[in-house]
Amino acid sequence: MEEKNNELLDYVKEIRDLNKKRVFWERIEVFLLAVFVVAVLSLVPLIIKTLNTATEAMESATETLEMAGKTIGKADSIMDDLSGTIASMETAIDSVTALVDDSSDKIVNAFDNINSIDFEGLNDAITDLGNVVEPLSNFFGKFKY
């Protein structure tokens, strides 16, 4: 009988140990659940604030779109006015084109004249002038002070 009591006692100890482990894990679960609830509750005001901000942004966007519609109407009016201005500008551009054509002919003539300059002869003349001036410079340099 004592052996059965010991077995029963061992079995009760095993059940007690299992219950202790189960209580330990249940406490961890309750703690994690509490942390989760606190986290969710702390996020609710932020979510509400974000939704309010989004609503305000949508209202602002609606107002902006209305103003954009008005601006487009004004732009259409301005485009109509610009049509007349463009016709005037076309006349001015034609005048400028004629002036550019005339000026380009004169520039071509000027470049032709520049190209006809004998730069080699000019360089030779400058060298000859330097050869003549150098002895004169040396001569007159002796009369300083």
N, C-alpha and C. Protein backbone atom coordinates (compact mmCIF):
# COMPACT_ATOMS: atom_id res chain seq x y z
N MET A 1 0.82 -1.17 0.00
CA MET A 1 0.00 0.00 0.00
C MET A 1 0.88 1.26 0.00
N GLU A 2 1.92 1.13 0.70
CA GLU A 2 2.82 2.27 0.77
C GLU A 2 3.39 2.58 -0.62
N GLU A 3 3.58 1.55 -1.39
CA GLU A 3 4.09 1.74 -2.73
C GLU A 3 3.06 2.49 -3.58
N LYS A 4 1.80 2.16 -3.40
CA LYS A 4 0.74 2.85 -4.13
C LYS A 4 0.65 4.29 -3.67
N ASN A 5 0.85 4.52 -2.41
CA ASN A 5 0.82 5.88 -1.87
C ASN A 5 1.99 6.69 -2.45
N ASN A 6 3.14 6.05 -2.55
CA ASN A 6 4.30 6.75 -3.11
C ASN A 6 4.06 7.07 -4.59
N GLU A 7 3.44 6.12 -5.30
CA GLU A 7 3.13 6.37 -6.70
C GLU A 7 2.11 7.51 -6.82
N LEU A 8 1.13 7.45 -5.95
CA LEU A 8 0.12 8.49 -5.96
C LEU A 8 0.75 9.83 -5.59
N LEU A 9 1.63 9.82 -4.64
CA LEU A 9 2.32 11.04 -4.22
C LEU A 9 3.19 11.57 -5.37
N ASP A 10 3.89 10.70 -6.06
CA ASP A 10 4.70 11.12 -7.21
C ASP A 10 3.82 11.71 -8.31
N TYR A 11 2.68 11.07 -8.50
CA TYR A 11 1.76 11.53 -9.52
C TYR A 11 1.22 12.92 -9.15
N VAL A 12 0.89 13.15 -7.92
CA VAL A 12 0.40 14.45 -7.44
C VAL A 12 1.49 15.50 -7.58
N LYS A 13 2.76 15.12 -7.27
CA LYS A 13 3.87 16.06 -7.42
C LYS A 13 4.06 16.43 -8.89
N GLU A 14 3.89 15.44 -9.75
CA GLU A 14 4.03 15.70 -11.18
C GLU A 14 2.92 16.65 -11.65
N ILE A 15 1.71 16.41 -11.17
CA ILE A 15 0.58 17.29 -11.52
C ILE A 15 0.83 18.69 -10.98
N ARG A 16 1.36 18.78 -9.77
CA ARG A 16 1.66 20.09 -9.18
C ARG A 16 2.71 20.82 -10.02
N ASP A 17 3.76 20.12 -10.44
CA ASP A 17 4.80 20.74 -11.26
C ASP A 17 4.22 21.22 -12.61
N LEU A 18 3.38 20.39 -13.19
CA LEU A 18 2.75 20.78 -14.45
C LEU A 18 1.85 22.00 -14.27
N ASN A 19 1.14 22.04 -13.17
CA ASN A 19 0.27 23.19 -12.87
C ASN A 19 1.10 24.45 -12.66
N LYS A 20 2.26 24.31 -12.00
CA LYS A 20 3.14 25.47 -11.80
C LYS A 20 3.61 26.00 -13.16
N LYS A 21 3.99 25.09 -14.05
CA LYS A 21 4.44 25.51 -15.38
C LYS A 21 3.29 26.18 -16.13
N ARG A 22 2.10 25.59 -16.06
CA ARG A 22 0.95 26.16 -16.74
C ARG A 22 0.62 27.55 -16.20
N VAL A 23 0.70 27.72 -14.88
CA VAL A 23 0.45 29.03 -14.27
C VAL A 23 1.51 30.03 -14.72
N PHE A 24 2.76 29.59 -14.79
CA PHE A 24 3.85 30.46 -15.25
C PHE A 24 3.57 30.96 -16.67
N TRP A 25 3.21 30.04 -17.57
CA TRP A 25 2.95 30.42 -18.96
C TRP A 25 1.68 31.26 -19.09
N GLU A 26 0.70 31.00 -18.27
CA GLU A 26 -0.52 31.81 -18.29
C GLU A 26 -0.22 33.22 -17.84
N ARG A 27 0.66 33.36 -16.85
CA ARG A 27 1.04 34.71 -16.40
C ARG A 27 1.76 35.46 -17.53
N ILE A 28 2.64 34.75 -18.26
CA ILE A 28 3.33 35.39 -19.38
C ILE A 28 2.32 35.79 -20.45
N GLU A 29 1.35 34.93 -20.72
CA GLU A 29 0.32 35.25 -21.71
C GLU A 29 -0.48 36.47 -21.28
N VAL A 30 -0.85 36.54 -20.00
CA VAL A 30 -1.61 37.69 -19.50
C VAL A 30 -0.77 38.95 -19.60
N PHE A 31 0.52 38.85 -19.27
CA PHE A 31 1.40 40.01 -19.36
C PHE A 31 1.49 40.49 -20.81
N LEU A 32 1.72 39.57 -21.75
CA LEU A 32 1.81 39.94 -23.16
C LEU A 32 0.49 40.52 -23.67
N LEU A 33 -0.62 39.95 -23.23
CA LEU A 33 -1.92 40.49 -23.62
C LEU A 33 -2.09 41.91 -23.08
N ALA A 34 -1.65 42.13 -21.85
CA ALA A 34 -1.75 43.48 -21.26
C ALA A 34 -0.88 44.46 -22.04
N VAL A 35 0.32 44.03 -22.41
CA VAL A 35 1.21 44.90 -23.19
C VAL A 35 0.56 45.22 -24.54
N PHE A 36 -0.03 44.21 -25.17
CA PHE A 36 -0.69 44.41 -26.46
C PHE A 36 -1.86 45.39 -26.33
N VAL A 37 -2.66 45.23 -25.29
CA VAL A 37 -3.81 46.11 -25.08
C VAL A 37 -3.34 47.54 -24.85
N VAL A 38 -2.29 47.71 -24.04
CA VAL A 38 -1.77 49.06 -23.78
C VAL A 38 -1.24 49.67 -25.07
N ALA A 39 -0.55 48.86 -25.88
CA ALA A 39 -0.01 49.37 -27.15
C ALA A 39 -1.15 49.81 -28.07
N VAL A 40 -2.17 48.99 -28.19
CA VAL A 40 -3.30 49.32 -29.05
C VAL A 40 -4.01 50.57 -28.53
N LEU A 41 -4.21 50.64 -27.23
CA LEU A 41 -4.90 51.81 -26.67
C LEU A 41 -4.07 53.07 -26.84
N SER A 42 -2.75 52.96 -26.81
CA SER A 42 -1.92 54.15 -27.00
C SER A 42 -1.90 54.56 -28.47
N LEU A 43 -2.16 53.64 -29.38
CA LEU A 43 -2.18 53.97 -30.81
C LEU A 43 -3.51 54.56 -31.26
N VAL A 44 -4.58 54.29 -30.56
CA VAL A 44 -5.90 54.77 -30.97
C VAL A 44 -5.93 56.30 -31.11
N PRO A 45 -5.42 57.08 -30.14
CA PRO A 45 -5.45 58.53 -30.34
C PRO A 45 -4.63 58.98 -31.55
N LEU A 46 -3.50 58.30 -31.79
CA LEU A 46 -2.69 58.66 -32.95
C LEU A 46 -3.44 58.35 -34.25
N ILE A 47 -4.15 57.25 -34.27
CA ILE A 47 -4.91 56.89 -35.46
C ILE A 47 -6.03 57.91 -35.69
N ILE A 48 -6.70 58.29 -34.63
CA ILE A 48 -7.78 59.28 -34.75
C ILE A 48 -7.22 60.61 -35.23
N LYS A 49 -6.08 61.01 -34.67
CA LYS A 49 -5.45 62.27 -35.09
C LYS A 49 -5.06 62.20 -36.57
N THR A 50 -4.52 61.06 -36.99
CA THR A 50 -4.13 60.89 -38.39
C THR A 50 -5.35 60.97 -39.30
N LEU A 51 -6.44 60.35 -38.89
CA LEU A 51 -7.66 60.40 -39.70
C LEU A 51 -8.19 61.83 -39.78
N ASN A 52 -8.12 62.57 -38.68
CA ASN A 52 -8.55 63.98 -38.70
C ASN A 52 -7.67 64.79 -39.65
N THR A 53 -6.37 64.55 -39.59
CA THR A 53 -5.45 65.26 -40.48
C THR A 53 -5.74 64.91 -41.93
N ALA A 54 -6.02 63.65 -42.19
CA ALA A 54 -6.34 63.23 -43.56
C ALA A 54 -7.62 63.91 -44.04
N THR A 55 -8.60 64.03 -43.16
CA THR A 55 -9.85 64.70 -43.53
C THR A 55 -9.59 66.16 -43.87
N GLU A 56 -8.79 66.83 -43.04
CA GLU A 56 -8.45 68.22 -43.31
C GLU A 56 -7.70 68.36 -44.62
N ALA A 57 -6.80 67.42 -44.89
CA ALA A 57 -6.04 67.47 -46.14
C ALA A 57 -6.96 67.29 -47.34
N MET A 58 -7.93 66.41 -47.22
CA MET A 58 -8.87 66.21 -48.31
C MET A 58 -9.71 67.46 -48.55
N GLU A 59 -10.13 68.12 -47.47
CA GLU A 59 -10.90 69.36 -47.61
C GLU A 59 -10.05 70.42 -48.29
N SER A 60 -8.79 70.51 -47.87
CA SER A 60 -7.87 71.48 -48.47
C SER A 60 -7.65 71.17 -49.95
N ALA A 61 -7.54 69.88 -50.28
CA ALA A 61 -7.34 69.49 -51.67
C ALA A 61 -8.57 69.86 -52.50
N THR A 62 -9.74 69.70 -51.93
CA THR A 62 -10.97 70.07 -52.64
C THR A 62 -10.99 71.56 -52.94
N GLU A 63 -10.63 72.36 -51.94
CA GLU A 63 -10.58 73.81 -52.14
C GLU A 63 -9.54 74.17 -53.20
N THR A 64 -8.42 73.49 -53.16
CA THR A 64 -7.37 73.75 -54.14
C THR A 64 -7.84 73.41 -55.55
N LEU A 65 -8.55 72.31 -55.68
CA LEU A 65 -9.08 71.94 -57.00
C LEU A 65 -10.08 72.96 -57.50
N GLU A 66 -10.89 73.49 -56.60
CA GLU A 66 -11.85 74.52 -57.00
C GLU A 66 -11.11 75.77 -57.50
N MET A 67 -10.07 76.16 -56.75
CA MET A 67 -9.29 77.32 -57.17
C MET A 67 -8.56 77.04 -58.48
N ALA A 68 -8.13 75.81 -58.68
CA ALA A 68 -7.46 75.45 -59.93
C ALA A 68 -8.44 75.58 -61.10
N GLY A 69 -9.69 75.18 -60.88
CA GLY A 69 -10.71 75.34 -61.93
C GLY A 69 -10.89 76.79 -62.31
N LYS A 70 -10.94 77.67 -61.30
CA LYS A 70 -11.07 79.10 -61.58
C LYS A 70 -9.84 79.62 -62.33
N THR A 71 -8.67 79.15 -61.92
CA THR A 71 -7.43 79.59 -62.56
C THR A 71 -7.39 79.14 -64.02
N ILE A 72 -7.88 77.94 -64.28
CA ILE A 72 -7.92 77.46 -65.66
C ILE A 72 -8.85 78.33 -66.50
N GLY A 73 -9.95 78.75 -65.92
CA GLY A 73 -10.86 79.65 -66.64
C GLY A 73 -10.16 80.96 -66.98
N LYS A 74 -9.41 81.49 -66.01
CA LYS A 74 -8.67 82.74 -66.27
C LYS A 74 -7.58 82.50 -67.32
N ALA A 75 -6.96 81.34 -67.27
CA ALA A 75 -5.91 81.02 -68.24
C ALA A 75 -6.49 80.95 -69.65
N ASP A 76 -7.70 80.41 -69.78
CA ASP A 76 -8.34 80.38 -71.09
C ASP A 76 -8.54 81.80 -71.63
N SER A 77 -8.94 82.70 -70.75
CA SER A 77 -9.13 84.09 -71.15
C SER A 77 -7.80 84.71 -71.58
N ILE A 78 -6.78 84.42 -70.83
CA ILE A 78 -5.45 84.96 -71.15
C ILE A 78 -4.97 84.39 -72.49
N MET A 79 -5.24 83.10 -72.73
CA MET A 79 -4.83 82.48 -74.00
C MET A 79 -5.51 83.16 -75.18
N ASP A 80 -6.78 83.53 -74.99
CA ASP A 80 -7.47 84.25 -76.06
C ASP A 80 -6.80 85.58 -76.33
N ASP A 81 -6.40 86.27 -75.26
CA ASP A 81 -5.69 87.55 -75.42
C ASP A 81 -4.33 87.33 -76.08
N LEU A 82 -3.70 86.22 -75.75
CA LEU A 82 -2.37 85.95 -76.30
C LEU A 82 -2.43 85.66 -77.80
N SER A 83 -3.57 85.16 -78.27
CA SER A 83 -3.69 84.88 -79.71
C SER A 83 -3.45 86.14 -80.52
N GLY A 84 -4.02 87.26 -80.08
CA GLY A 84 -3.80 88.54 -80.76
C GLY A 84 -2.35 88.98 -80.63
N THR A 85 -1.79 88.75 -79.46
CA THR A 85 -0.41 89.15 -79.24
C THR A 85 0.54 88.33 -80.12
N ILE A 86 0.22 87.06 -80.30
CA ILE A 86 1.06 86.20 -81.13
C ILE A 86 1.07 86.69 -82.57
N ALA A 87 -0.07 87.13 -83.05
CA ALA A 87 -0.12 87.66 -84.42
C ALA A 87 0.80 88.86 -84.55
N SER A 88 0.80 89.73 -83.53
CA SER A 88 1.68 90.89 -83.55
C SER A 88 3.14 90.46 -83.47
N MET A 89 3.40 89.43 -82.68
CA MET A 89 4.76 88.95 -82.54
C MET A 89 5.27 88.33 -83.84
N GLU A 90 4.37 87.68 -84.60
CA GLU A 90 4.79 87.10 -85.87
C GLU A 90 5.28 88.20 -86.82
N THR A 91 4.60 89.34 -86.81
CA THR A 91 5.03 90.46 -87.63
C THR A 91 6.39 90.96 -87.17
N ALA A 92 6.56 91.05 -85.85
CA ALA A 92 7.84 91.51 -85.31
C ALA A 92 8.95 90.52 -85.63
N ILE A 93 8.63 89.24 -85.57
CA ILE A 93 9.63 88.21 -85.88
C ILE A 93 10.03 88.28 -87.34
N ASP A 94 9.09 88.54 -88.21
CA ASP A 94 9.42 88.69 -89.63
C ASP A 94 10.38 89.85 -89.83
N SER A 95 10.14 90.95 -89.11
CA SER A 95 11.03 92.11 -89.21
C SER A 95 12.42 91.77 -88.69
N VAL A 96 12.46 91.06 -87.57
CA VAL A 96 13.75 90.68 -86.99
C VAL A 96 14.48 89.72 -87.93
N THR A 97 13.75 88.82 -88.57
CA THR A 97 14.37 87.87 -89.50
C THR A 97 15.01 88.61 -90.67
N ALA A 98 14.32 89.60 -91.19
CA ALA A 98 14.88 90.39 -92.29
C ALA A 98 16.13 91.12 -91.82
N LEU A 99 16.10 91.67 -90.62
CA LEU A 99 17.26 92.37 -90.07
C LEU A 99 18.44 91.41 -89.88
N VAL A 100 18.15 90.19 -89.39
CA VAL A 100 19.20 89.20 -89.19
C VAL A 100 19.80 88.78 -90.52
N ASP A 101 18.96 88.60 -91.52
CA ASP A 101 19.47 88.22 -92.84
C ASP A 101 20.40 89.29 -93.38
N ASP A 102 19.99 90.57 -93.27
CA ASP A 102 20.82 91.68 -93.73
C ASP A 102 22.13 91.73 -92.95
N SER A 103 22.02 91.55 -91.60
CA SER A 103 23.22 91.61 -90.75
C SER A 103 24.15 90.43 -91.04
N SER A 104 23.58 89.27 -91.32
CA SER A 104 24.43 88.11 -91.59
C SER A 104 25.23 88.31 -92.87
N ASP A 105 24.63 88.97 -93.87
CA ASP A 105 25.39 89.26 -95.10
C ASP A 105 26.56 90.18 -94.79
N LYS A 106 26.32 91.17 -93.95
CA LYS A 106 27.39 92.11 -93.59
C LYS A 106 28.48 91.41 -92.77
N ILE A 107 28.06 90.48 -91.89
CA ILE A 107 29.04 89.74 -91.08
C ILE A 107 29.89 88.85 -91.98
N VAL A 108 29.27 88.23 -92.99
CA VAL A 108 30.02 87.38 -93.93
C VAL A 108 31.06 88.22 -94.67
N ASN A 109 30.66 89.43 -95.09
CA ASN A 109 31.61 90.32 -95.77
C ASN A 109 32.75 90.70 -94.84
N ALA A 110 32.42 90.98 -93.57
CA ALA A 110 33.47 91.35 -92.61
C ALA A 110 34.43 90.20 -92.40
N PHE A 111 33.91 88.97 -92.28
CA PHE A 111 34.81 87.81 -92.10
C PHE A 111 35.65 87.57 -93.36
N ASP A 112 35.07 87.82 -94.52
CA ASP A 112 35.86 87.69 -95.76
C ASP A 112 37.02 88.67 -95.74
N ASN A 113 36.76 89.92 -95.29
CA ASN A 113 37.83 90.92 -95.20
C ASN A 113 38.88 90.52 -94.17
N ILE A 114 38.43 89.97 -93.03
CA ILE A 114 39.38 89.54 -92.00
C ILE A 114 40.23 88.38 -92.53
N ASN A 115 39.60 87.49 -93.28
CA ASN A 115 40.33 86.35 -93.83
C ASN A 115 41.34 86.76 -94.90
N SER A 116 41.12 87.91 -95.51
CA SER A 116 42.04 88.36 -96.55
C SER A 116 43.28 89.03 -95.98
N ILE A 117 43.31 89.25 -94.66
CA ILE A 117 44.48 89.88 -94.03
C ILE A 117 45.64 88.88 -94.09
N ASP A 118 46.82 89.38 -94.43
CA ASP A 118 48.03 88.55 -94.50
C ASP A 118 48.68 88.57 -93.11
N PHE A 119 48.26 87.61 -92.27
CA PHE A 119 48.77 87.57 -90.89
C PHE A 119 50.25 87.20 -90.86
N GLU A 120 50.70 86.40 -91.81
CA GLU A 120 52.12 86.03 -91.84
C GLU A 120 52.97 87.26 -92.13
N GLY A 121 52.50 88.06 -93.10
CA GLY A 121 53.22 89.29 -93.42
C GLY A 121 53.19 90.26 -92.24
N LEU A 122 52.04 90.31 -91.55
CA LEU A 122 51.91 91.18 -90.39
C LEU A 122 52.86 90.74 -89.28
N ASN A 123 52.96 89.45 -89.05
CA ASN A 123 53.89 88.93 -88.04
C ASN A 123 55.34 89.24 -88.41
N ASP A 124 55.67 89.11 -89.70
CA ASP A 124 57.03 89.45 -90.16
C ASP A 124 57.32 90.93 -89.92
N ALA A 125 56.33 91.78 -90.20
CA ALA A 125 56.51 93.22 -90.01
C ALA A 125 56.71 93.55 -88.53
N ILE A 126 55.95 92.86 -87.66
CA ILE A 126 56.10 93.10 -86.22
C ILE A 126 57.48 92.66 -85.75
N THR A 127 57.96 91.54 -86.28
CA THR A 127 59.31 91.06 -85.93
C THR A 127 60.37 92.04 -86.40
N ASP A 128 60.21 92.54 -87.62
CA ASP A 128 61.16 93.53 -88.16
C ASP A 128 61.15 94.79 -87.32
N LEU A 129 59.95 95.25 -86.92
CA LEU A 129 59.84 96.44 -86.08
C LEU A 129 60.53 96.22 -84.75
N GLY A 130 60.35 95.02 -84.16
CA GLY A 130 61.02 94.71 -82.89
C GLY A 130 62.52 94.72 -83.06
N ASN A 131 63.04 94.24 -84.22
CA ASN A 131 64.49 94.24 -84.47
C ASN A 131 65.03 95.66 -84.59
N VAL A 132 64.22 96.57 -85.15
CA VAL A 132 64.65 97.96 -85.31
C VAL A 132 64.58 98.69 -83.98
N VAL A 133 63.53 98.46 -83.21
CA VAL A 133 63.30 99.22 -81.98
C VAL A 133 64.27 98.77 -80.88
N GLU A 134 64.65 97.53 -80.86
CA GLU A 134 65.51 97.03 -79.78
C GLU A 134 66.85 97.77 -79.70
N PRO A 135 67.58 97.99 -80.82
CA PRO A 135 68.84 98.75 -80.70
C PRO A 135 68.61 100.19 -80.27
N LEU A 136 67.46 100.78 -80.76
CA LEU A 136 67.16 102.16 -80.34
C LEU A 136 66.88 102.22 -78.85
N SER A 137 66.17 101.20 -78.35
CA SER A 137 65.87 101.15 -76.93
C SER A 137 67.15 101.02 -76.12
N ASN A 138 68.04 100.18 -76.58
CA ASN A 138 69.32 100.02 -75.88
C ASN A 138 70.11 101.32 -75.90
N PHE A 139 70.08 102.00 -77.04
CA PHE A 139 70.83 103.27 -77.17
C PHE A 139 70.30 104.34 -76.24
N PHE A 140 68.95 104.54 -76.26
CA PHE A 140 68.36 105.57 -75.41
C PHE A 140 68.33 105.17 -73.96
N GLY A 141 68.44 103.86 -73.67
CA GLY A 141 68.47 103.39 -72.28
C GLY A 141 69.75 103.84 -71.59
N LYS A 142 70.79 104.15 -72.35
CA LYS A 142 72.05 104.58 -71.75
C LYS A 142 71.97 105.99 -71.21
N PHE A 143 70.98 106.79 -71.69
CA PHE A 143 70.87 108.17 -71.23
C PHE A 143 70.03 108.35 -69.98
N LYS A 144 69.57 107.26 -69.45
CA LYS A 144 68.78 107.36 -68.21
C LYS A 144 69.72 107.74 -67.09
N TYR A 145 69.31 108.60 -66.23
CA TYR A 145 69.99 109.04 -65.02
C TYR A 145 71.45 109.23 -65.25
